Amino acid sequence: MNELTPYTSTTGPVSGAAAPKAESVRQKGLQPLAEPVKGAVITVSDRCVSGEREDVSGPLASRLLGEHNVIVDAVKVVPDGVEPVRTAIREAIAAGARVVLTAGGTGVTPRDLTPEGTAPLLAVRLEGIEAQIRAYGLTQTPLSSLSRGLVGVTSRDADGALVVNAPGSRGGVKDTIAVVGPLVPHVLEQLGGGDH
């Protein structure tokens, strides 16, 4: 039988420097946005487009993003599908949005194609944030694991935008923004070349 032993480094500290003690390592704290940034909310729903259902998630997303200094002038409603989603995201970015949140189309029905419409627009996916959104959502409902929503940035420069796919439910929108909202300043700072 093998005995388990604690892990110890065989390489030692880099360049002979002593490793910092855990209590002396300072983590960078989250800071709010210094100035408002333009945002966009896109509700993706065939039923909302047809008038069969009132859009309640888009206005909620707009309000919650506003609490994080992301200003959304109006919610756009588009039908489900790859092209409507891709076109709406492109238009929002062309109009100057630095944060674009889609609500809806992240499930597994045949018309849930928001991630497929979003993926080609992302230069870098932020899979850690995607996982964090799902993990947080699971504390609220087991249905959170059914969301295929993506999070990423459209480029790595100062003109890049953060794109977030939220589920279409009000709870999914609340959970998504609860995770993403506080991270927006840091993501945008990094796109501007800031320190991490």
C-alpha atoms as a PDB file:
ATOM      1  CA  MET A   1       0.000   0.000   0.000  1.00  0.00           C
ATOM      2  CA  ASN A   2       1.214   3.465  -0.828  1.00  0.00           C
ATOM      3  CA  GLU A   3       1.224   6.109   1.828  1.00  0.00           C
ATOM      4  CA  LEU A   4      -0.048   9.563   0.904  1.00  0.00           C
ATOM      5  CA  THR A   5       2.478  12.312   1.481  1.00  0.00           C
ATOM      6  CA  PRO A   6       2.013  16.061   1.244  1.00  0.00           C
ATOM      7  CA  TYR A   7       3.143  17.735  -1.990  1.00  0.00           C
ATOM      8  CA  THR A   8       6.416  19.600  -1.816  1.00  0.00           C
ATOM      9  CA  SER A   9       8.086  21.487  -4.632  1.00  0.00           C
ATOM     10  CA  THR A  10      11.313  20.042  -5.977  1.00  0.00           C
ATOM     11  CA  THR A  11      12.198  23.198  -7.869  1.00  0.00           C
ATOM     12  CA  GLY A  12      12.084  25.680  -4.987  1.00  0.00           C
ATOM     13  CA  PRO A  13      11.459  29.403  -5.262  1.00  0.00           C
ATOM     14  CA  VAL A  14      12.213  31.178  -8.520  1.00  0.00           C
ATOM     15  CA  SER A  15      15.632  32.884  -8.625  1.00  0.00           C
ATOM     16  CA  GLY A  16      16.299  31.998  -5.011  1.00  0.00           C
ATOM     17  CA  ALA A  17      13.568  34.347  -3.727  1.00  0.00           C
ATOM     18  CA  ALA A  18      11.557  33.230  -0.760  1.00  0.00           C
ATOM     19  CA  ALA A  19       7.934  32.383  -1.494  1.00  0.00           C
ATOM     20  CA  PRO A  20       5.511  34.906   0.044  1.00  0.00           C
ATOM     21  CA  LYS A  21       3.491  33.803   3.033  1.00  0.00           C
ATOM     22  CA  ALA A  22      -0.174  33.232   2.232  1.00  0.00           C
ATOM     23  CA  GLU A  23      -1.304  35.975   4.603  1.00  0.00           C
ATOM     24  CA  SER A  24       0.969  38.517   2.880  1.00  0.00           C
ATOM     25  CA  VAL A  25      -0.421  37.933  -0.630  1.00  0.00           C
ATOM     26  CA  ARG A  26      -2.935  40.675  -1.442  1.00  0.00           C
ATOM     27  CA  GLN A  27      -5.667  39.963  -3.933  1.00  0.00           C
ATOM     28  CA  LYS A  28      -6.895  42.761  -6.163  1.00  0.00           C
ATOM     29  CA  GLY A  29     -10.345  43.819  -5.016  1.00  0.00           C
ATOM     30  CA  LEU A  30     -13.298  44.476  -7.290  1.00  0.00           C
ATOM     31  CA  GLN A  31     -13.994  48.144  -7.931  1.00  0.00           C
ATOM     32  CA  PRO A  32     -17.090  49.716  -9.506  1.00  0.00           C
ATOM     33  CA  LEU A  33     -16.875  51.407 -12.893  1.00  0.00           C
ATOM     34  CA  ALA A  34     -15.464  54.917 -12.545  1.00  0.00           C
ATOM     35  CA  GLU A  35     -17.712  56.165 -15.354  1.00  0.00           C
ATOM     36  CA  PRO A  36     -20.851  54.772 -16.972  1.00  0.00           C
ATOM     37  CA  VAL A  37     -20.361  52.576 -20.047  1.00  0.00           C
ATOM     38  CA  LYS A  38     -22.790  51.912 -22.847  1.00  0.00           C
ATOM     39  CA  GLY A  39     -24.503  48.561 -22.720  1.00  0.00           C
ATOM     40  CA  ALA A  40     -27.014  46.638 -24.793  1.00  0.00           C
ATOM     41  CA  VAL A  41     -29.643  44.064 -23.872  1.00  0.00           C
ATOM     42  CA  ILE A  42     -31.034  41.748 -26.535  1.00  0.00           C
ATOM     43  CA  THR A  43     -34.007  39.559 -25.681  1.00  0.00           C
ATOM     44  CA  VAL A  44     -34.025  36.455 -27.879  1.00  0.00           C
ATOM     45  CA  SER A  45     -37.531  35.023 -28.086  1.00  0.00           C
ATOM     46  CA  ASP A  46     -39.876  34.034 -30.890  1.00  0.00           C
ATOM     47  CA  ARG A  47     -42.817  34.432 -28.493  1.00  0.00           C
ATOM     48  CA  CYS A  48     -41.854  37.968 -27.457  1.00  0.00           C
ATOM     49  CA  VAL A  49     -41.374  38.996 -31.095  1.00  0.00           C
ATOM     50  CA  SER A  50     -44.827  37.652 -32.031  1.00  0.00           C
ATOM     51  CA  GLY A  51     -46.475  39.381 -29.056  1.00  0.00           C
ATOM     52  CA  GLU A  52     -47.510  36.068 -27.514  1.00  0.00           C
ATOM     53  CA  ARG A  53     -45.460  36.861 -24.413  1.00  0.00           C
ATOM     54  CA  GLU A  54     -44.416  40.131 -22.778  1.00  0.00           C
ATOM     55  CA  ASP A  55     -40.654  40.626 -22.417  1.00  0.00           C
ATOM     56  CA  VAL A  56     -39.969  40.863 -18.694  1.00  0.00           C
ATOM     57  CA  SER A  57     -36.370  39.606 -18.696  1.00  0.00           C
ATOM     58  CA  GLY A  58     -34.927  42.287 -20.977  1.00  0.00           C
ATOM     59  CA  PRO A  59     -36.138  45.250 -18.896  1.00  0.00           C
ATOM     60  CA  LEU A  60     -34.953  43.468 -15.732  1.00  0.00           C
ATOM     61  CA  ALA A  61     -31.502  42.977 -17.283  1.00  0.00           C
ATOM     62  CA  SER A  62     -31.384  46.634 -18.267  1.00  0.00           C
ATOM     63  CA  ARG A  63     -32.224  47.735 -14.725  1.00  0.00           C
ATOM     64  CA  LEU A  64     -29.756  45.349 -13.071  1.00  0.00           C
ATOM     65  CA  LEU A  65     -26.927  46.332 -15.428  1.00  0.00           C
ATOM     66  CA  GLY A  66     -27.688  49.976 -14.614  1.00  0.00           C
ATOM     67  CA  GLU A  67     -26.911  49.192 -10.970  1.00  0.00           C
ATOM     68  CA  HIS A  68     -23.378  48.357 -12.201  1.00  0.00           C
ATOM     69  CA  ASN A  69     -23.083  51.601 -14.206  1.00  0.00           C
ATOM     70  CA  VAL A  70     -23.768  49.837 -17.522  1.00  0.00           C
ATOM     71  CA  ILE A  71     -26.327  52.055 -19.225  1.00  0.00           C
ATOM     72  CA  VAL A  72     -28.826  50.479 -21.639  1.00  0.00           C
ATOM     73  CA  ASP A  73     -30.966  52.895 -23.659  1.00  0.00           C
ATOM     74  CA  ALA A  74     -33.491  50.351 -24.944  1.00  0.00           C
ATOM     75  CA  VAL A  75     -33.964  46.588 -25.016  1.00  0.00           C
ATOM     76  CA  LYS A  76     -33.966  45.035 -28.481  1.00  0.00           C
ATOM     77  CA  VAL A  77     -36.151  41.950 -29.061  1.00  0.00           C
ATOM     78  CA  VAL A  78     -35.170  39.505 -31.804  1.00  0.00           C
ATOM     79  CA  PRO A  79     -36.425  36.059 -32.824  1.00  0.00           C
ATOM     80  CA  ASP A  80     -34.544  32.911 -31.926  1.00  0.00           C
ATOM     81  CA  GLY A  81     -31.927  31.764 -34.411  1.00  0.00           C
ATOM     82  CA  VAL A  82     -28.261  32.148 -35.281  1.00  0.00           C
ATOM     83  CA  GLU A  83     -28.497  35.087 -37.690  1.00  0.00           C
ATOM     84  CA  PRO A  84     -30.866  37.331 -35.695  1.00  0.00           C
ATOM     85  CA  VAL A  85     -28.645  36.943 -32.613  1.00  0.00           C
ATOM     86  CA  ARG A  86     -25.378  37.506 -34.485  1.00  0.00           C
ATOM     87  CA  THR A  87     -26.751  40.546 -36.320  1.00  0.00           C
ATOM     88  CA  ALA A  88     -28.145  42.125 -33.133  1.00  0.00           C
ATOM     89  CA  ILE A  89     -24.847  41.670 -31.271  1.00  0.00           C
ATOM     90  CA  ARG A  90     -22.875  43.145 -34.175  1.00  0.00           C
ATOM     91  CA  GLU A  91     -25.231  46.129 -34.375  1.00  0.00           C
ATOM     92  CA  ALA A  92     -24.967  46.744 -30.621  1.00  0.00           C
ATOM     93  CA  ILE A  93     -21.165  46.728 -30.753  1.00  0.00           C
ATOM     94  CA  ALA A  94     -21.133  48.968 -33.836  1.00  0.00           C
ATOM     95  CA  ALA A  95     -23.326  51.417 -31.883  1.00  0.00           C
ATOM     96  CA  GLY A  96     -20.681  51.552 -29.134  1.00  0.00           C
ATOM     97  CA  ALA A  97     -21.859  49.001 -26.554  1.00  0.00           C
ATOM     98  CA  ARG A  98     -19.014  47.754 -24.332  1.00  0.00           C
ATOM     99  CA  VAL A  99     -21.255  45.206 -22.588  1.00  0.00           C
ATOM    100  CA  VAL A 100     -23.838  43.178 -24.522  1.00  0.00           C
ATOM    101  CA  LEU A 101     -26.172  40.814 -22.687  1.00  0.00           C
ATOM    102  CA  THR A 102     -28.506  38.471 -24.504  1.00  0.00           C
ATOM    103  CA  ALA A 103     -31.446  36.947 -22.618  1.00  0.00           C
ATOM    104  CA  GLY A 104     -32.873  33.709 -23.992  1.00  0.00           C
ATOM    105  CA  GLY A 105     -32.054  30.958 -26.425  1.00  0.00           C
ATOM    106  CA  THR A 106     -29.463  29.180 -24.268  1.00  0.00           C
ATOM    107  CA  GLY A 107     -31.328  25.912 -23.701  1.00  0.00           C
ATOM    108  CA  VAL A 108     -31.595  22.761 -25.780  1.00  0.00           C
ATOM    109  CA  THR A 109     -34.761  23.224 -27.828  1.00  0.00           C
ATOM    110  CA  PRO A 110     -34.299  23.232 -31.617  1.00  0.00           C
ATOM    111  CA  ARG A 111     -34.627  27.066 -31.707  1.00  0.00           C
ATOM    112  CA  ASP A 112     -32.222  27.729 -28.791  1.00  0.00           C
ATOM    113  CA  LEU A 113     -29.286  28.926 -30.900  1.00  0.00           C
ATOM    114  CA  THR A 114     -27.994  31.986 -29.045  1.00  0.00           C
ATOM    115  CA  PRO A 115     -24.598  30.404 -28.230  1.00  0.00           C
ATOM    116  CA  GLU A 116     -24.170  29.365 -31.875  1.00  0.00           C
ATOM    117  CA  GLY A 117     -24.927  32.929 -32.976  1.00  0.00           C
ATOM    118  CA  THR A 118     -22.531  34.371 -30.405  1.00  0.00           C
ATOM    119  CA  ALA A 119     -19.510  32.054 -30.624  1.00  0.00           C
ATOM    120  CA  PRO A 120     -18.027  33.310 -33.939  1.00  0.00           C
ATOM    121  CA  LEU A 121     -17.999  36.874 -32.572  1.00  0.00           C
ATOM    122  CA  LEU A 122     -15.858  36.016 -29.542  1.00  0.00           C
ATOM    123  CA  ALA A 123     -12.082  36.374 -29.787  1.00  0.00           C
ATOM    124  CA  VAL A 124     -11.712  34.913 -26.289  1.00  0.00           C
ATOM    125  CA  ARG A 125     -14.190  32.927 -24.221  1.00  0.00           C
ATOM    126  CA  LEU A 126     -14.214  33.468 -20.469  1.00  0.00           C
ATOM    127  CA  GLU A 127     -15.075  29.929 -19.472  1.00  0.00           C
ATOM    128  CA  GLY A 128     -14.382  30.567 -15.796  1.00  0.00           C
ATOM    129  CA  ILE A 129     -17.159  33.151 -15.710  1.00  0.00           C
ATOM    130  CA  GLU A 130     -19.470  30.780 -17.598  1.00  0.00           C
ATOM    131  CA  ALA A 131     -18.824  28.121 -14.953  1.00  0.00           C
ATOM    132  CA  GLN A 132     -19.263  30.633 -12.134  1.00  0.00           C
ATOM    133  CA  ILE A 133     -22.657  31.703 -13.499  1.00  0.00           C
ATOM    134  CA  ARG A 134     -23.852  28.095 -13.671  1.00  0.00           C
ATOM    135  CA  ALA A 135     -22.474  27.286 -10.217  1.00  0.00           C
ATOM    136  CA  TYR A 136     -24.195  30.308  -8.705  1.00  0.00           C
ATOM    137  CA  GLY A 137     -27.406  29.449 -10.538  1.00  0.00           C
ATOM    138  CA  LEU A 138     -27.317  25.931  -9.144  1.00  0.00           C
ATOM    139  CA  THR A 139     -27.657  27.406  -5.659  1.00  0.00           C
ATOM    140  CA  GLN A 140     -31.029  28.734  -6.848  1.00  0.00           C
ATOM    141  CA  THR A 141     -32.352  25.975  -9.166  1.00  0.00           C
ATOM    142  CA  PRO A 142     -31.138  22.694 -10.687  1.00  0.00           C
ATOM    143  CA  LEU A 143     -32.280  24.023 -14.082  1.00  0.00           C
ATOM    144  CA  SER A 144     -29.218  26.292 -14.197  1.00  0.00           C
ATOM    145  CA  SER A 145     -27.151  23.403 -15.521  1.00  0.00           C
ATOM    146  CA  LEU A 146     -29.252  23.370 -18.709  1.00  0.00           C
ATOM    147  CA  SER A 147     -27.969  26.765 -19.847  1.00  0.00           C
ATOM    148  CA  ARG A 148     -25.343  26.724 -22.601  1.00  0.00           C
ATOM    149  CA  GLY A 149     -24.704  30.462 -22.324  1.00  0.00           C
ATOM    150  CA  LEU A 150     -21.319  31.814 -23.387  1.00  0.00           C
ATOM    151  CA  VAL A 151     -19.286  34.694 -21.992  1.00  0.00           C
ATOM    152  CA  GLY A 152     -16.402  36.276 -23.841  1.00  0.00           C
ATOM    153  CA  VAL A 153     -14.811  39.337 -25.374  1.00  0.00           C
ATOM    154  CA  THR A 154     -14.896  40.365 -29.009  1.00  0.00           C
ATOM    155  CA  SER A 155     -11.227  41.416 -29.049  1.00  0.00           C
ATOM    156  CA  ARG A 156      -8.324  41.890 -26.649  1.00  0.00           C
ATOM    157  CA  ASP A 157      -7.944  45.623 -27.243  1.00  0.00           C
ATOM    158  CA  ALA A 158      -9.591  48.753 -25.860  1.00  0.00           C
ATOM    159  CA  ASP A 159     -12.403  48.490 -28.417  1.00  0.00           C
ATOM    160  CA  GLY A 160     -13.393  44.987 -27.302  1.00  0.00           C
ATOM    161  CA  ALA A 161     -16.821  44.317 -25.847  1.00  0.00           C
ATOM    162  CA  LEU A 162     -17.914  41.847 -23.206  1.00  0.00           C
ATOM    163  CA  VAL A 163     -20.701  39.585 -24.506  1.00  0.00           C
ATOM    164  CA  VAL A 164     -22.793  37.524 -22.105  1.00  0.00           C
ATOM    165  CA  ASN A 165     -25.535  34.986 -22.897  1.00  0.00           C
ATOM    166  CA  ALA A 166     -28.070  34.744 -20.053  1.00  0.00           C
ATOM    167  CA  PRO A 167     -31.013  32.360 -19.876  1.00  0.00           C
ATOM    168  CA  GLY A 168     -34.356  33.906 -20.772  1.00  0.00           C
ATOM    169  CA  SER A 169     -35.937  33.538 -17.332  1.00  0.00           C
ATOM    170  CA  ARG A 170     -35.925  36.398 -14.838  1.00  0.00           C
ATOM    171  CA  GLY A 171     -34.072  34.183 -12.375  1.00  0.00           C
ATOM    172  CA  GLY A 172     -31.459  33.305 -14.984  1.00  0.00           C
ATOM    173  CA  VAL A 173     -30.954  36.986 -15.789  1.00  0.00           C
ATOM    174  CA  LYS A 174     -30.634  37.883 -12.089  1.00  0.00           C
ATOM    175  CA  ASP A 175     -28.130  35.083 -11.444  1.00  0.00           C
ATOM    176  CA  THR A 176     -26.066  35.974 -14.509  1.00  0.00           C
ATOM    177  CA  ILE A 177     -25.817  39.668 -13.651  1.00  0.00           C
ATOM    178  CA  ALA A 178     -25.127  38.886  -9.987  1.00  0.00           C
ATOM    179  CA  VAL A 179     -21.943  37.164 -11.178  1.00  0.00           C
ATOM    180  CA  VAL A 180     -20.992  39.301 -14.191  1.00  0.00           C
ATOM    181  CA  GLY A 181     -21.937  42.770 -12.940  1.00  0.00           C
ATOM    182  CA  PRO A 182     -19.132  43.114 -10.382  1.00  0.00           C
ATOM    183  CA  LEU A 183     -16.587  41.740 -12.901  1.00  0.00           C
ATOM    184  CA  VAL A 184     -17.384  44.226 -15.702  1.00  0.00           C
ATOM    185  CA  PRO A 185     -14.945  46.935 -14.528  1.00  0.00           C
ATOM    186  CA  HIS A 186     -12.048  44.493 -14.300  1.00  0.00           C
ATOM    187  CA  VAL A 187     -12.741  42.920 -17.706  1.00  0.00           C
ATOM    188  CA  LEU A 188     -12.994  46.325 -19.403  1.00  0.00           C
ATOM    189  CA  GLU A 189      -9.865  47.533 -17.600  1.00  0.00           C
ATOM    190  CA  GLN A 190      -7.932  44.540 -18.933  1.00  0.00           C
ATOM    191  CA  LEU A 191      -9.192  45.204 -22.460  1.00  0.00           C
ATOM    192  CA  GLY A 192      -7.828  48.718 -22.080  1.00  0.00           C
ATOM    193  CA  GLY A 193      -4.402  47.317 -21.202  1.00  0.00           C
ATOM    194  CA  GLY A 194      -4.812  47.646 -17.449  1.00  0.00           C
ATOM    195  CA  ASP A 195      -3.033  45.505 -14.898  1.00  0.00           C
ATOM    196  CA  HIS A 196      -4.509  42.260 -13.615  1.00  0.00           C
END
